[in-house]
Amino acid sequence: MVRPVRGTRTGVRSPNFVAFAAAAPNPPASMRRSSARAFSLVEVLVVLVILALLATMAIPACQRIRENSERQTVEQNLERIAEAGQRYLLDSGTDSVTYPTLVDNGFDPVPSVAGETYEHLVVRNSGMLEVETNDGEVQYDY
């Protein structure tokens, strides 16, 4: 069985075809057409727009996760300070203790997570954490 050759119908090469094929030089690599299809500018722009939309949805979610983790860490720090303050109050028999006093008596300083400071924190024997601010006192039950 004779298979058709590209450019012929019968499968037999004509003399013209062979002569043309033999006479045509191989083009340089820069002029050859690649069999792979390149992306158009519109396709690239559509992909970039989709990526931008995904990024705008992901960034606020990441910020909320960070804020929630910071809030939880601050709450855990306050619980640790309240527990240490209660232990100190039971040992010393006083009505209140400040955070700097706890640190001076061996409590490990709590690192700041979200820019908060614990220097004005007072632990009361009544089960309250008080923070002395410029505007007054803020109280928290623990």
N, C-alpha and C. Protein backbone atom coordinates (compact mmCIF):
# COMPACT_ATOMS: atom_id res chain seq x y z
N MET A 1 0.84 -1.18 0.00
CA MET A 1 0.00 0.00 0.00
C MET A 1 0.88 1.24 0.00
N VAL A 2 0.54 2.16 -0.82
CA VAL A 2 1.30 3.39 -0.96
C VAL A 2 0.60 4.45 -0.13
N ARG A 3 1.34 5.08 0.76
CA ARG A 3 0.76 6.14 1.58
C ARG A 3 0.93 7.47 0.87
N PRO A 4 -0.11 8.30 0.94
CA PRO A 4 0.02 9.61 0.29
C PRO A 4 1.08 10.45 0.98
N VAL A 5 1.82 11.16 0.20
CA VAL A 5 2.84 12.07 0.72
C VAL A 5 2.25 13.46 0.74
N ARG A 6 2.58 14.21 1.73
CA ARG A 6 2.05 15.56 1.84
C ARG A 6 2.36 16.35 0.57
N GLY A 7 1.34 16.97 0.03
CA GLY A 7 1.53 17.76 -1.20
C GLY A 7 1.15 16.99 -2.45
N THR A 8 0.85 15.72 -2.31
CA THR A 8 0.45 14.93 -3.48
C THR A 8 -0.86 14.24 -3.18
N ARG A 9 -1.55 13.85 -4.23
CA ARG A 9 -2.82 13.15 -4.05
C ARG A 9 -2.65 11.65 -4.25
N THR A 10 -1.77 11.28 -5.00
CA THR A 10 -1.65 9.85 -5.35
C THR A 10 -0.63 9.13 -4.51
N GLY A 11 0.17 9.85 -3.82
CA GLY A 11 1.20 9.20 -3.03
C GLY A 11 2.51 9.13 -3.78
N VAL A 12 2.52 9.49 -5.03
CA VAL A 12 3.75 9.48 -5.81
C VAL A 12 4.20 10.92 -5.95
N ARG A 13 5.42 11.17 -5.63
CA ARG A 13 5.92 12.53 -5.70
C ARG A 13 6.17 12.91 -7.16
N SER A 14 5.74 14.09 -7.44
CA SER A 14 5.99 14.57 -8.79
C SER A 14 7.42 15.10 -8.85
N PRO A 15 7.99 15.14 -10.05
CA PRO A 15 9.37 15.65 -10.19
C PRO A 15 9.48 17.09 -9.75
N ASN A 16 8.42 17.89 -9.97
CA ASN A 16 8.47 19.29 -9.56
C ASN A 16 8.59 19.42 -8.03
N PHE A 17 7.84 18.58 -7.34
CA PHE A 17 7.84 18.63 -5.89
C PHE A 17 9.22 18.28 -5.36
N VAL A 18 9.81 17.24 -5.89
CA VAL A 18 11.13 16.81 -5.43
C VAL A 18 12.16 17.89 -5.73
N ALA A 19 12.07 18.48 -6.89
CA ALA A 19 13.02 19.51 -7.24
C ALA A 19 12.86 20.73 -6.34
N PHE A 20 11.61 21.08 -6.03
CA PHE A 20 11.36 22.23 -5.17
C PHE A 20 11.86 21.95 -3.76
N ALA A 21 11.57 20.73 -3.28
CA ALA A 21 11.98 20.39 -1.93
C ALA A 21 13.49 20.34 -1.82
N ALA A 22 14.15 19.87 -2.85
CA ALA A 22 15.60 19.78 -2.81
C ALA A 22 16.24 21.15 -2.93
N ALA A 23 15.58 22.07 -3.64
CA ALA A 23 16.17 23.38 -3.89
C ALA A 23 15.95 24.34 -2.73
N ALA A 24 14.93 24.09 -1.91
CA ALA A 24 14.62 25.03 -0.84
C ALA A 24 15.59 24.82 0.32
N PRO A 25 16.33 25.86 0.70
CA PRO A 25 17.26 25.73 1.83
C PRO A 25 16.48 25.75 3.15
N ASN A 26 17.07 25.19 4.19
CA ASN A 26 16.46 25.24 5.51
C ASN A 26 16.52 26.67 6.04
N PRO A 27 15.39 27.22 6.48
CA PRO A 27 15.43 28.59 7.01
C PRO A 27 16.15 28.60 8.36
N PRO A 28 16.69 29.76 8.74
CA PRO A 28 17.36 29.85 10.04
C PRO A 28 16.36 29.62 11.17
N ALA A 29 16.85 29.28 12.36
CA ALA A 29 16.00 28.95 13.49
C ALA A 29 15.10 30.11 13.89
N SER A 30 15.55 31.35 13.72
CA SER A 30 14.74 32.50 14.11
C SER A 30 13.54 32.70 13.19
N MET A 31 13.61 32.15 11.95
CA MET A 31 12.51 32.34 10.99
C MET A 31 11.56 31.15 10.97
N ARG A 32 11.92 30.05 11.60
CA ARG A 32 11.06 28.88 11.59
C ARG A 32 9.84 29.12 12.48
N ARG A 33 8.73 28.59 12.06
CA ARG A 33 7.51 28.69 12.86
C ARG A 33 7.50 27.57 13.88
N SER A 34 7.18 27.93 15.08
CA SER A 34 7.08 26.94 16.14
C SER A 34 5.72 26.26 16.06
N SER A 35 5.69 25.01 16.41
CA SER A 35 4.41 24.32 16.37
C SER A 35 3.57 24.70 17.59
N ALA A 36 4.20 25.24 18.65
CA ALA A 36 3.46 25.67 19.84
C ALA A 36 2.82 27.02 19.57
N ARG A 37 1.57 27.16 20.00
CA ARG A 37 0.82 28.39 19.79
C ARG A 37 1.13 29.35 20.94
N ALA A 38 1.45 30.59 20.65
CA ALA A 38 1.75 31.60 21.66
C ALA A 38 0.45 32.20 22.20
N PHE A 39 0.51 32.75 23.43
CA PHE A 39 -0.64 33.40 24.03
C PHE A 39 -0.81 34.79 23.46
N SER A 40 -2.04 35.20 23.28
CA SER A 40 -2.29 36.55 22.80
C SER A 40 -2.27 37.51 23.99
N LEU A 41 -2.19 38.78 23.69
CA LEU A 41 -2.16 39.80 24.73
C LEU A 41 -3.44 39.79 25.55
N VAL A 42 -4.56 39.57 24.91
CA VAL A 42 -5.85 39.54 25.61
C VAL A 42 -5.88 38.39 26.61
N GLU A 43 -5.39 37.22 26.22
CA GLU A 43 -5.37 36.08 27.13
C GLU A 43 -4.49 36.34 28.34
N VAL A 44 -3.36 36.96 28.13
CA VAL A 44 -2.46 37.28 29.23
C VAL A 44 -3.13 38.29 30.17
N LEU A 45 -3.79 39.30 29.62
CA LEU A 45 -4.47 40.31 30.44
C LEU A 45 -5.61 39.68 31.24
N VAL A 46 -6.35 38.76 30.65
CA VAL A 46 -7.44 38.10 31.38
C VAL A 46 -6.88 37.32 32.57
N VAL A 47 -5.77 36.63 32.38
CA VAL A 47 -5.16 35.88 33.48
C VAL A 47 -4.70 36.83 34.57
N LEU A 48 -4.12 37.96 34.20
CA LEU A 48 -3.67 38.94 35.19
C LEU A 48 -4.83 39.52 35.97
N VAL A 49 -5.95 39.79 35.31
CA VAL A 49 -7.13 40.32 36.00
C VAL A 49 -7.67 39.29 36.99
N ILE A 50 -7.71 38.04 36.59
CA ILE A 50 -8.19 36.98 37.50
C ILE A 50 -7.28 36.87 38.71
N LEU A 51 -5.97 36.92 38.51
CA LEU A 51 -5.03 36.86 39.63
C LEU A 51 -5.19 38.07 40.55
N ALA A 52 -5.42 39.23 39.98
CA ALA A 52 -5.63 40.43 40.80
C ALA A 52 -6.89 40.30 41.64
N LEU A 53 -7.95 39.77 41.07
CA LEU A 53 -9.19 39.57 41.84
C LEU A 53 -8.99 38.58 42.98
N LEU A 54 -8.27 37.52 42.72
CA LEU A 54 -7.99 36.54 43.78
C LEU A 54 -7.16 37.16 44.89
N ALA A 55 -6.20 38.00 44.53
CA ALA A 55 -5.37 38.65 45.54
C ALA A 55 -6.19 39.62 46.39
N THR A 56 -7.11 40.37 45.76
CA THR A 56 -7.92 41.31 46.53
C THR A 56 -8.86 40.59 47.48
N MET A 57 -9.22 39.35 47.18
CA MET A 57 -10.06 38.59 48.10
C MET A 57 -9.22 37.94 49.20
N ALA A 58 -7.98 37.59 48.91
CA ALA A 58 -7.16 36.87 49.88
C ALA A 58 -6.52 37.79 50.91
N ILE A 59 -6.15 39.00 50.54
CA ILE A 59 -5.44 39.90 51.46
C ILE A 59 -6.29 40.25 52.69
N PRO A 60 -7.57 40.67 52.55
CA PRO A 60 -8.35 40.96 53.76
C PRO A 60 -8.55 39.73 54.65
N ALA A 61 -8.67 38.57 54.06
CA ALA A 61 -8.82 37.35 54.86
C ALA A 61 -7.56 37.10 55.69
N CYS A 62 -6.41 37.31 55.11
CA CYS A 62 -5.15 37.13 55.85
C CYS A 62 -5.03 38.15 56.97
N GLN A 63 -5.48 39.39 56.74
CA GLN A 63 -5.42 40.42 57.78
C GLN A 63 -6.35 40.06 58.94
N ARG A 64 -7.55 39.54 58.63
CA ARG A 64 -8.47 39.13 59.70
C ARG A 64 -7.87 38.00 60.52
N ILE A 65 -7.22 37.05 59.87
CA ILE A 65 -6.59 35.94 60.58
C ILE A 65 -5.50 36.47 61.52
N ARG A 66 -4.70 37.42 61.03
CA ARG A 66 -3.64 38.00 61.86
C ARG A 66 -4.23 38.73 63.05
N GLU A 67 -5.29 39.54 62.83
CA GLU A 67 -5.91 40.27 63.93
C GLU A 67 -6.49 39.33 64.97
N ASN A 68 -7.14 38.26 64.53
CA ASN A 68 -7.70 37.29 65.47
C ASN A 68 -6.61 36.61 66.29
N SER A 69 -5.50 36.26 65.65
CA SER A 69 -4.43 35.60 66.39
C SER A 69 -3.78 36.57 67.38
N GLU A 70 -3.64 37.86 67.01
CA GLU A 70 -3.10 38.85 67.94
C GLU A 70 -4.04 39.02 69.13
N ARG A 71 -5.35 39.09 68.87
CA ARG A 71 -6.32 39.24 69.95
C ARG A 71 -6.26 38.06 70.91
N GLN A 72 -6.17 36.85 70.37
CA GLN A 72 -6.08 35.66 71.22
C GLN A 72 -4.81 35.67 72.06
N THR A 73 -3.70 36.11 71.47
CA THR A 73 -2.43 36.16 72.20
C THR A 73 -2.50 37.18 73.33
N VAL A 74 -3.10 38.34 73.08
CA VAL A 74 -3.24 39.35 74.13
C VAL A 74 -4.11 38.82 75.26
N GLU A 75 -5.20 38.14 74.92
CA GLU A 75 -6.07 37.56 75.95
C GLU A 75 -5.33 36.52 76.77
N GLN A 76 -4.52 35.69 76.12
CA GLN A 76 -3.74 34.70 76.85
C GLN A 76 -2.72 35.36 77.76
N ASN A 77 -2.10 36.46 77.27
CA ASN A 77 -1.15 37.19 78.10
C ASN A 77 -1.83 37.76 79.34
N LEU A 78 -3.03 38.33 79.16
CA LEU A 78 -3.77 38.88 80.30
C LEU A 78 -4.13 37.78 81.30
N GLU A 79 -4.50 36.61 80.80
CA GLU A 79 -4.81 35.49 81.70
C GLU A 79 -3.58 35.06 82.50
N ARG A 80 -2.43 35.02 81.84
CA ARG A 80 -1.18 34.66 82.54
C ARG A 80 -0.86 35.68 83.62
N ILE A 81 -1.02 36.96 83.29
CA ILE A 81 -0.74 38.01 84.27
C ILE A 81 -1.72 37.93 85.43
N ALA A 82 -2.99 37.67 85.13
CA ALA A 82 -4.00 37.56 86.20
C ALA A 82 -3.70 36.38 87.11
N GLU A 83 -3.31 35.25 86.55
CA GLU A 83 -2.97 34.08 87.37
C GLU A 83 -1.76 34.36 88.25
N ALA A 84 -0.72 34.98 87.65
CA ALA A 84 0.47 35.30 88.44
C ALA A 84 0.14 36.31 89.52
N GLY A 85 -0.74 37.28 89.20
CA GLY A 85 -1.14 38.26 90.19
C GLY A 85 -1.90 37.64 91.34
N GLN A 86 -2.79 36.69 91.03
CA GLN A 86 -3.55 36.02 92.09
C GLN A 86 -2.62 35.21 92.99
N ARG A 87 -1.63 34.54 92.40
CA ARG A 87 -0.67 33.79 93.22
C ARG A 87 0.12 34.74 94.13
N TYR A 88 0.52 35.87 93.56
CA TYR A 88 1.27 36.86 94.35
C TYR A 88 0.40 37.40 95.47
N LEU A 89 -0.88 37.71 95.17
CA LEU A 89 -1.78 38.25 96.19
C LEU A 89 -2.02 37.24 97.31
N LEU A 90 -2.14 35.97 96.96
CA LEU A 90 -2.33 34.95 97.99
C LEU A 90 -1.10 34.80 98.87
N ASP A 91 0.09 34.89 98.26
CA ASP A 91 1.33 34.75 99.03
C ASP A 91 1.62 35.97 99.89
N SER A 92 1.33 37.16 99.37
CA SER A 92 1.71 38.37 100.09
C SER A 92 0.60 38.91 100.99
N GLY A 93 -0.64 38.58 100.70
CA GLY A 93 -1.76 39.06 101.51
C GLY A 93 -2.16 40.50 101.22
N THR A 94 -1.72 41.07 100.12
CA THR A 94 -2.07 42.45 99.77
C THR A 94 -3.35 42.48 98.95
N ASP A 95 -3.87 43.70 98.73
CA ASP A 95 -5.12 43.85 97.98
C ASP A 95 -4.91 44.00 96.48
N SER A 96 -3.74 44.50 96.08
CA SER A 96 -3.48 44.69 94.65
C SER A 96 -1.99 44.58 94.37
N VAL A 97 -1.69 44.31 93.12
CA VAL A 97 -0.31 44.22 92.67
C VAL A 97 -0.23 44.75 91.25
N THR A 98 0.85 45.46 90.94
CA THR A 98 1.04 46.00 89.59
C THR A 98 1.90 45.03 88.78
N TYR A 99 1.83 45.18 87.49
CA TYR A 99 2.60 44.31 86.60
C TYR A 99 4.10 44.48 86.83
N PRO A 100 4.62 45.72 86.96
CA PRO A 100 6.07 45.83 87.23
C PRO A 100 6.49 45.13 88.52
N THR A 101 5.63 45.10 89.53
CA THR A 101 5.95 44.38 90.77
C THR A 101 6.04 42.89 90.50
N LEU A 102 5.14 42.37 89.67
CA LEU A 102 5.19 40.94 89.32
C LEU A 102 6.50 40.61 88.61
N VAL A 103 6.91 41.49 87.69
CA VAL A 103 8.15 41.25 86.94
C VAL A 103 9.35 41.30 87.88
N ASP A 104 9.32 42.24 88.82
CA ASP A 104 10.42 42.35 89.78
C ASP A 104 10.51 41.13 90.69
N ASN A 105 9.40 40.44 90.89
CA ASN A 105 9.38 39.27 91.77
C ASN A 105 9.48 37.95 91.01
N GLY A 106 9.98 37.96 89.79
CA GLY A 106 10.29 36.73 89.09
C GLY A 106 9.34 36.33 87.98
N PHE A 107 8.28 37.11 87.73
CA PHE A 107 7.38 36.79 86.62
C PHE A 107 8.06 37.18 85.31
N ASP A 108 8.07 36.27 84.34
CA ASP A 108 8.69 36.56 83.05
C ASP A 108 7.91 37.65 82.32
N PRO A 109 8.59 38.69 81.85
CA PRO A 109 7.87 39.75 81.12
C PRO A 109 7.15 39.20 79.90
N VAL A 110 5.96 39.73 79.67
CA VAL A 110 5.13 39.29 78.54
C VAL A 110 5.49 40.16 77.33
N PRO A 111 5.84 39.53 76.20
CA PRO A 111 6.19 40.33 75.02
C PRO A 111 4.96 41.01 74.42
N SER A 112 5.18 42.19 73.87
CA SER A 112 4.11 42.92 73.21
C SER A 112 3.84 42.30 71.85
N VAL A 113 2.56 42.10 71.53
CA VAL A 113 2.17 41.46 70.28
C VAL A 113 1.63 42.50 69.30
N ALA A 114 0.73 43.34 69.78
CA ALA A 114 0.05 44.30 68.90
C ALA A 114 0.31 45.73 69.35
N GLY A 115 1.46 45.97 69.95
CA GLY A 115 1.79 47.32 70.40
C GLY A 115 1.23 47.66 71.77
N GLU A 116 0.69 46.67 72.49
CA GLU A 116 0.12 46.93 73.81
C GLU A 116 1.23 46.98 74.85
N THR A 117 0.92 47.62 75.96
CA THR A 117 1.85 47.68 77.07
C THR A 117 1.12 47.27 78.34
N TYR A 118 1.83 46.62 79.24
CA TYR A 118 1.21 46.12 80.46
C TYR A 118 1.73 46.86 81.69
N GLU A 119 2.46 47.95 81.50
CA GLU A 119 3.10 48.65 82.61
C GLU A 119 2.10 49.22 83.62
N HIS A 120 0.92 49.62 83.16
CA HIS A 120 -0.07 50.23 84.04
C HIS A 120 -1.15 49.25 84.47
N LEU A 121 -0.87 47.97 84.34
CA LEU A 121 -1.85 46.94 84.68
C LEU A 121 -1.79 46.65 86.18
N VAL A 122 -2.96 46.62 86.80
CA VAL A 122 -3.07 46.33 88.23
C VAL A 122 -4.00 45.15 88.42
N VAL A 123 -3.56 44.15 89.18
CA VAL A 123 -4.39 43.00 89.51
C VAL A 123 -4.96 43.24 90.90
N ARG A 124 -6.29 43.22 91.00
CA ARG A 124 -6.98 43.44 92.28
C ARG A 124 -7.37 42.11 92.89
N ASN A 125 -7.50 42.10 94.20
CA ASN A 125 -7.90 40.90 94.92
C ASN A 125 -9.37 40.57 94.66
N SER A 126 -10.12 41.53 94.14
CA SER A 126 -11.55 41.32 93.89
C SER A 126 -11.81 40.58 92.58
N GLY A 127 -10.76 40.18 91.89
CA GLY A 127 -10.93 39.46 90.62
C GLY A 127 -11.01 40.40 89.44
N MET A 128 -10.41 41.56 89.55
CA MET A 128 -10.45 42.55 88.47
C MET A 128 -9.03 42.86 88.00
N LEU A 129 -8.91 43.04 86.68
CA LEU A 129 -7.70 43.60 86.10
C LEU A 129 -8.02 45.04 85.76
N GLU A 130 -7.21 45.96 86.20
CA GLU A 130 -7.44 47.37 85.91
C GLU A 130 -6.25 47.92 85.14
N VAL A 131 -6.56 48.73 84.17
CA VAL A 131 -5.53 49.41 83.40
C VAL A 131 -5.73 50.90 83.60
N GLU A 132 -4.73 51.55 84.15
CA GLU A 132 -4.80 52.98 84.37
C GLU A 132 -4.39 53.68 83.07
N THR A 133 -5.30 54.47 82.53
CA THR A 133 -5.02 55.22 81.31
C THR A 133 -5.15 56.70 81.59
N ASN A 134 -4.86 57.51 80.59
CA ASN A 134 -5.00 58.96 80.74
C ASN A 134 -6.45 59.37 80.92
N ASP A 135 -7.37 58.60 80.36
CA ASP A 135 -8.79 58.93 80.43
C ASP A 135 -9.45 58.39 81.69
N GLY A 136 -8.81 57.55 82.43
CA GLY A 136 -9.41 56.92 83.62
C GLY A 136 -8.94 55.48 83.70
N GLU A 137 -9.73 54.66 84.34
CA GLU A 137 -9.41 53.25 84.51
C GLU A 137 -10.34 52.39 83.69
N VAL A 138 -9.79 51.36 83.12
CA VAL A 138 -10.57 50.35 82.39
C VAL A 138 -10.47 49.07 83.19
N GLN A 139 -11.59 48.44 83.49
CA GLN A 139 -11.59 47.24 84.32
C GLN A 139 -12.03 46.03 83.53
N TYR A 140 -11.41 44.91 83.82
CA TYR A 140 -11.74 43.64 83.19
C TYR A 140 -11.95 42.59 84.26
N ASP A 141 -12.97 41.81 84.14
CA ASP A 141 -13.17 40.67 85.03
C ASP A 141 -12.32 39.52 84.52
N TYR A 142 -11.78 38.75 85.42
CA TYR A 142 -11.07 37.54 85.02
C TYR A 142 -11.51 36.38 85.83
